[in-house]
């Protein structure tokens, strides 16, 4: 690990390193997308290099695929492997029931498909991602480009009857153009502030024509690993109720993390 990380990146690294301890030889793995997931990919590559771990990864975005391939992780597709043993991914928010908001990295569609095709999903995060109730982070909704303004209007109309505090909906931009996902879709960000009934909202949003998928991950995550800058990793298992605190080795590594220094 690079020695000069700021506290947030150090916490992300701690969570990622602890999470890859769940990986076993021969597993088929879903590889998440985002800044915390990038640490996980590097920590996984380190285990493969040092322990001879044999795994196959299914990336959830082109960015993750490029990083994993550059580090020597064997990759495949979900169509080829059919089902996964474990997916490790980050989250933009998680609540006490381990329901999530994801999609800040614009990869929510592939992330949700991969996570639901896994025996188990582990979320890695720093402590700032934990909330009492979802909604402070804007909820991403992936929509097809055709008629997106009509879809946006339908989403806004739907929010009137939902238990949310805000109803502002914006198109996510990449410079002066709409951001385009790996599936060539657009992202609407819903600025809701608080989501009273996340399960209901997820179901209703997906009934709107033009909506492909939303960033609410309900009853998908099994374990969350929370990293702390002091080297602690808190592990919570929603299925068993187990909660434990571990310490993670801070020992620096060499070329796996060299470009982050």
Protein backbone atom coordinates (compact mmCIF):
# COMPACT_ATOMS: atom_id res chain seq x y z
CA UNK A 1 0.00 0.00 0.00
CA UNK A 2 1.31 3.49 -0.73
CA UNK A 3 2.52 5.09 2.49
CA UNK A 4 1.10 8.58 1.95
CA UNK A 5 -2.62 7.87 1.47
CA UNK A 6 -5.14 10.32 2.86
CA UNK A 7 -7.48 8.94 5.58
CA UNK A 8 -10.37 8.22 3.19
CA UNK A 9 -8.23 6.29 0.71
CA UNK A 10 -6.56 4.45 3.58
CA UNK A 11 -9.99 3.38 4.86
CA UNK A 12 -10.97 2.20 1.37
CA UNK A 13 -7.75 0.20 1.12
CA UNK A 14 -8.37 -1.40 4.53
CA UNK A 15 -11.91 -2.43 3.54
CA UNK A 16 -10.72 -3.81 0.21
CA UNK A 17 -7.87 -5.82 1.68
CA UNK A 18 -10.10 -7.34 4.36
CA UNK A 19 -12.80 -8.21 1.80
CA UNK A 20 -10.46 -10.14 -0.50
CA UNK A 21 -9.70 -12.44 2.44
CA UNK A 22 -13.12 -13.97 1.71
CA UNK A 23 -11.88 -15.08 -1.74
CA UNK A 24 -11.03 -18.77 -2.02
CA UNK A 25 -9.11 -20.69 -4.64
CA UNK A 26 -11.23 -21.62 -7.66
CA UNK A 27 -13.87 -18.95 -7.13
CA UNK A 28 -15.70 -17.09 -9.86
CA UNK A 29 -15.84 -13.47 -8.80
CA UNK A 30 -17.81 -10.37 -9.71
CA UNK A 31 -15.47 -7.38 -9.74
CA UNK A 32 -17.14 -4.08 -8.87
CA UNK A 33 -16.59 -0.59 -10.21
CA UNK A 34 -15.50 2.62 -8.49
CA UNK A 35 -12.66 3.98 -6.39
CA UNK A 36 -13.05 1.49 -3.54
CA UNK A 37 -13.52 -1.43 -5.94
CA UNK A 38 -10.30 -0.42 -7.70
CA UNK A 39 -8.45 -1.00 -4.43
CA UNK A 40 -10.12 -4.40 -4.20
CA UNK A 41 -8.94 -5.35 -7.70
CA UNK A 42 -5.38 -4.42 -6.75
CA UNK A 43 -5.53 -6.35 -3.48
CA UNK A 44 -6.92 -9.38 -5.32
CA UNK A 45 -4.11 -9.17 -7.86
CA UNK A 46 -1.64 -9.08 -4.97
CA UNK A 47 -3.07 -12.30 -3.53
CA UNK A 48 -2.99 -13.96 -6.94
CA UNK A 49 0.64 -12.99 -7.39
CA UNK A 50 1.81 -13.93 -3.90
CA UNK A 51 -0.33 -17.01 -3.21
CA UNK A 52 -0.95 -18.45 -6.66
CA UNK A 53 -4.68 -18.01 -6.14
CA UNK A 54 -6.69 -19.26 -9.13
CA UNK A 55 -9.83 -17.23 -9.74
CA UNK A 56 -11.88 -15.95 -12.65
CA UNK A 57 -13.21 -12.40 -12.56
CA UNK A 58 -16.30 -10.96 -14.22
CA UNK A 59 -15.89 -7.16 -14.38
CA UNK A 60 -18.86 -4.81 -14.05
CA UNK A 61 -17.48 -2.10 -16.34
CA UNK A 62 -14.90 -1.48 -19.03
CA UNK A 63 -12.82 0.47 -16.49
CA UNK A 64 -12.66 -2.48 -14.12
CA UNK A 65 -11.92 -4.86 -16.98
CA UNK A 66 -8.97 -2.74 -18.11
CA UNK A 67 -7.52 -2.47 -14.60
CA UNK A 68 -7.95 -6.17 -13.81
CA UNK A 69 -6.44 -7.26 -17.13
CA UNK A 70 -3.46 -4.95 -16.62
CA UNK A 71 -2.80 -6.64 -13.26
CA UNK A 72 -2.97 -10.16 -14.65
CA UNK A 73 -6.37 -11.21 -13.33
CA UNK A 74 -8.02 -13.83 -15.51
CA UNK A 75 -11.33 -12.49 -16.85
CA UNK A 76 -14.45 -13.97 -18.37
CA UNK A 77 -18.04 -12.95 -19.04
CA UNK A 78 -21.18 -13.69 -17.07
CA UNK A 79 -22.60 -15.53 -20.07
CA UNK A 80 -19.61 -17.86 -20.04
CA UNK A 81 -19.40 -18.55 -16.29
CA UNK A 82 -23.22 -18.50 -15.78
CA UNK A 83 -23.09 -17.98 -11.99
CA UNK A 84 -20.68 -16.45 -9.50
CA UNK A 85 -19.51 -17.46 -6.05
CA UNK A 86 -18.94 -13.94 -4.80
CA UNK A 87 -19.17 -10.31 -5.91
CA UNK A 88 -17.19 -7.57 -4.15
CA UNK A 89 -18.19 -4.01 -4.90
CA UNK A 90 -18.42 -0.57 -3.35
CA UNK A 91 -21.52 1.48 -2.52
CA UNK A 92 -22.47 5.13 -2.40
CA UNK A 93 -24.65 4.55 0.66
CA UNK A 94 -25.76 1.64 2.83
CA UNK A 95 -28.36 1.50 5.59
CA UNK A 96 -28.67 -0.74 8.71
CA UNK A 97 -30.36 -3.47 6.61
CA UNK A 98 -27.50 -3.34 4.09
CA UNK A 99 -29.72 -1.89 1.38
CA UNK A 100 -27.65 0.23 -0.95
CA UNK A 101 -27.54 3.13 -3.33
CA UNK A 102 -25.10 2.42 -6.15
CA UNK A 103 -24.39 3.98 -9.51
CA UNK A 104 -22.15 6.92 -8.72
CA UNK A 105 -19.71 5.40 -11.18
CA UNK A 106 -22.46 4.97 -13.81
CA UNK A 107 -22.13 1.16 -13.83
CA UNK A 108 -25.26 0.29 -11.87
CA UNK A 109 -26.84 -1.93 -14.53
CA UNK A 110 -23.95 -4.35 -14.90
CA UNK A 111 -23.27 -4.13 -11.16
CA UNK A 112 -26.82 -5.19 -10.29
CA UNK A 113 -26.88 -8.01 -12.84
CA UNK A 114 -23.56 -9.38 -11.59
CA UNK A 115 -24.44 -9.01 -7.90
CA UNK A 116 -27.76 -10.83 -8.27
CA UNK A 117 -26.02 -13.63 -10.18
CA UNK A 118 -23.79 -14.32 -7.16
CA UNK A 119 -24.14 -16.59 -4.16
CA UNK A 120 -22.92 -13.73 -2.00
CA UNK A 121 -22.30 -9.99 -2.30
CA UNK A 122 -19.77 -8.16 -0.14
CA UNK A 123 -19.80 -4.36 -0.08
CA UNK A 124 -16.65 -2.48 0.81
CA UNK A 125 -16.88 1.10 2.08
CA UNK A 126 -15.49 3.73 4.37
CA UNK A 127 -17.55 4.76 7.39
CA UNK A 128 -18.93 7.88 5.68
CA UNK A 129 -21.07 5.67 3.43
CA UNK A 130 -23.17 4.40 6.35
CA UNK A 131 -26.52 6.19 6.77
CA UNK A 132 -29.59 5.73 8.92
CA UNK A 133 -31.84 6.14 5.88
CA UNK A 134 -30.98 6.12 2.20
CA UNK A 135 -31.33 9.19 0.02
CA UNK A 136 -28.68 11.79 0.80
CA UNK A 137 -26.67 10.52 -2.16
CA UNK A 138 -28.50 11.18 -5.46
CA UNK A 139 -30.21 8.02 -6.71
CA UNK A 140 -29.02 7.09 -10.21
CA UNK A 141 -31.57 5.78 -12.70
CA UNK A 142 -30.35 4.43 -16.04
CA UNK A 143 -32.59 5.33 -18.99
CA UNK A 144 -32.45 4.78 -22.73
CA UNK A 145 -31.55 7.90 -24.75
CA UNK A 146 -34.71 7.73 -26.89
CA UNK A 147 -37.30 10.00 -25.34
CA UNK A 148 -35.22 10.56 -22.22
CA UNK A 149 -36.89 13.90 -21.50
CA UNK A 150 -40.28 12.20 -21.49
CA UNK A 151 -38.89 9.52 -19.19
CA UNK A 152 -37.54 12.25 -16.92
CA UNK A 153 -40.97 13.90 -16.78
CA UNK A 154 -42.59 10.56 -15.92
CA UNK A 155 -40.05 9.99 -13.15
CA UNK A 156 -40.75 13.47 -11.74
CA UNK A 157 -44.49 12.82 -11.84
CA UNK A 158 -44.02 9.47 -10.09
CA UNK A 159 -41.98 11.03 -7.29
CA UNK A 160 -44.94 13.20 -6.28
CA UNK A 161 -46.64 10.15 -4.74
CA UNK A 162 -43.46 8.70 -3.19
CA UNK A 163 -42.22 9.17 0.37
CA UNK A 164 -39.21 11.36 -0.45
CA UNK A 165 -38.10 14.81 0.66
CA UNK A 166 -36.78 16.10 -2.67
CA UNK A 167 -37.89 15.63 -6.27
CA UNK A 168 -35.18 17.31 -8.34
CA UNK A 169 -34.11 15.16 -11.30
CA UNK A 170 -31.03 15.99 -13.38
CA UNK A 171 -29.37 14.42 -16.41
CA UNK A 172 -25.81 13.38 -15.60
CA UNK A 173 -23.36 15.14 -17.87
CA UNK A 174 -19.85 14.42 -19.12
CA UNK A 175 -18.61 17.90 -19.89
CA UNK A 176 -21.12 19.52 -22.22
CA UNK A 177 -22.66 16.21 -23.33
CA UNK A 178 -24.77 13.60 -21.54
CA UNK A 179 -22.74 10.90 -19.85
CA UNK A 180 -23.10 7.62 -21.75
CA UNK A 181 -22.90 4.31 -19.88
CA UNK A 182 -21.19 1.13 -21.09
CA UNK A 183 -24.61 0.08 -22.44
CA UNK A 184 -24.97 3.39 -24.34
CA UNK A 185 -27.65 4.69 -21.98
CA UNK A 186 -28.07 7.92 -19.98
CA UNK A 187 -28.20 8.45 -16.21
CA UNK A 188 -30.82 10.50 -14.40
CA UNK A 189 -29.80 11.51 -10.86
CA UNK A 190 -32.71 11.81 -8.43
CA UNK A 191 -31.96 14.27 -5.61
CA UNK A 192 -34.34 12.88 -3.00
CA UNK A 193 -32.59 13.76 0.31
CA UNK A 194 -34.46 10.99 2.11
CA UNK A 195 -36.14 7.82 0.82
CA UNK A 196 -38.93 6.66 3.11
CA UNK A 197 -39.69 3.35 1.37
CA UNK A 198 -36.76 2.24 -0.76
CA UNK A 199 -38.32 -1.09 -1.74
CA UNK A 200 -41.47 0.55 -3.06
CA UNK A 201 -39.52 3.23 -4.92
CA UNK A 202 -37.29 0.65 -6.61
CA UNK A 203 -40.30 -1.29 -7.87
CA UNK A 204 -42.21 1.78 -9.08
CA UNK A 205 -39.27 3.34 -10.92
CA UNK A 206 -38.67 0.17 -12.92
CA UNK A 207 -42.26 0.26 -14.19
CA UNK A 208 -41.69 3.55 -16.03
CA UNK A 209 -41.18 3.14 -19.80
CA UNK A 210 -37.64 4.14 -20.72
CA UNK A 211 -36.16 3.23 -17.34
CA UNK A 212 -33.65 0.40 -17.64
CA UNK A 213 -32.68 0.02 -13.99
CA UNK A 214 -32.31 2.02 -10.78
CA UNK A 215 -29.50 2.22 -8.25
CA UNK A 216 -31.40 0.84 -5.25
CA UNK A 217 -29.94 -2.55 -4.31
CA UNK A 218 -32.52 -4.12 -2.00
CA UNK A 219 -31.84 -7.47 -0.25
CA UNK A 220 -28.78 -8.08 -2.43
CA UNK A 221 -25.85 -7.31 -0.11
CA UNK A 222 -24.91 -10.01 2.44
CA UNK A 223 -21.84 -8.52 4.11
CA UNK A 224 -20.44 -5.03 4.44
CA UNK A 225 -16.78 -4.42 5.29
CA UNK A 226 -16.18 -0.93 6.66
CA UNK A 227 -12.61 0.31 6.57
CA UNK A 228 -11.15 2.80 9.04
CA UNK A 229 -8.03 4.91 8.63
CA UNK A 230 -6.50 3.48 11.82
CA UNK A 231 -6.33 0.00 10.29
CA UNK A 232 -9.56 -1.44 11.66
CA UNK A 233 -12.04 -3.27 9.48
CA UNK A 234 -15.60 -3.81 10.73
CA UNK A 235 -17.40 -6.79 9.20
CA UNK A 236 -21.21 -7.05 9.38
CA UNK A 237 -23.12 -10.09 8.11
CA UNK A 238 -26.82 -9.36 7.62
CA UNK A 239 -27.71 -13.07 7.39
CA UNK A 240 -26.07 -14.26 10.62
CA UNK A 241 -26.11 -11.00 12.55
CA UNK A 242 -22.37 -11.39 13.10
CA UNK A 243 -20.39 -8.20 13.72
CA UNK A 244 -16.63 -8.27 14.19
CA UNK A 245 -13.70 -5.88 14.18
CA UNK A 246 -10.33 -6.89 12.75
CA UNK A 247 -7.05 -5.14 12.19
CA UNK A 248 -5.54 -5.19 8.70
CA UNK A 249 -1.82 -5.23 7.98
CA UNK A 250 -0.57 -1.90 6.67
CA UNK A 251 2.59 -3.39 5.18
CA UNK A 252 3.52 -1.59 1.94
CA UNK A 253 3.45 -3.44 -1.37
CA UNK A 254 5.50 -2.81 -4.47
CA UNK A 255 4.38 -2.57 -8.08
CA UNK A 256 0.69 -3.44 -7.59
CA UNK A 257 0.18 0.03 -6.06
CA UNK A 258 3.14 1.87 -7.57
CA UNK A 259 1.10 4.07 -9.90
CA UNK A 260 -0.99 5.34 -7.00
CA UNK A 261 1.94 6.86 -5.12
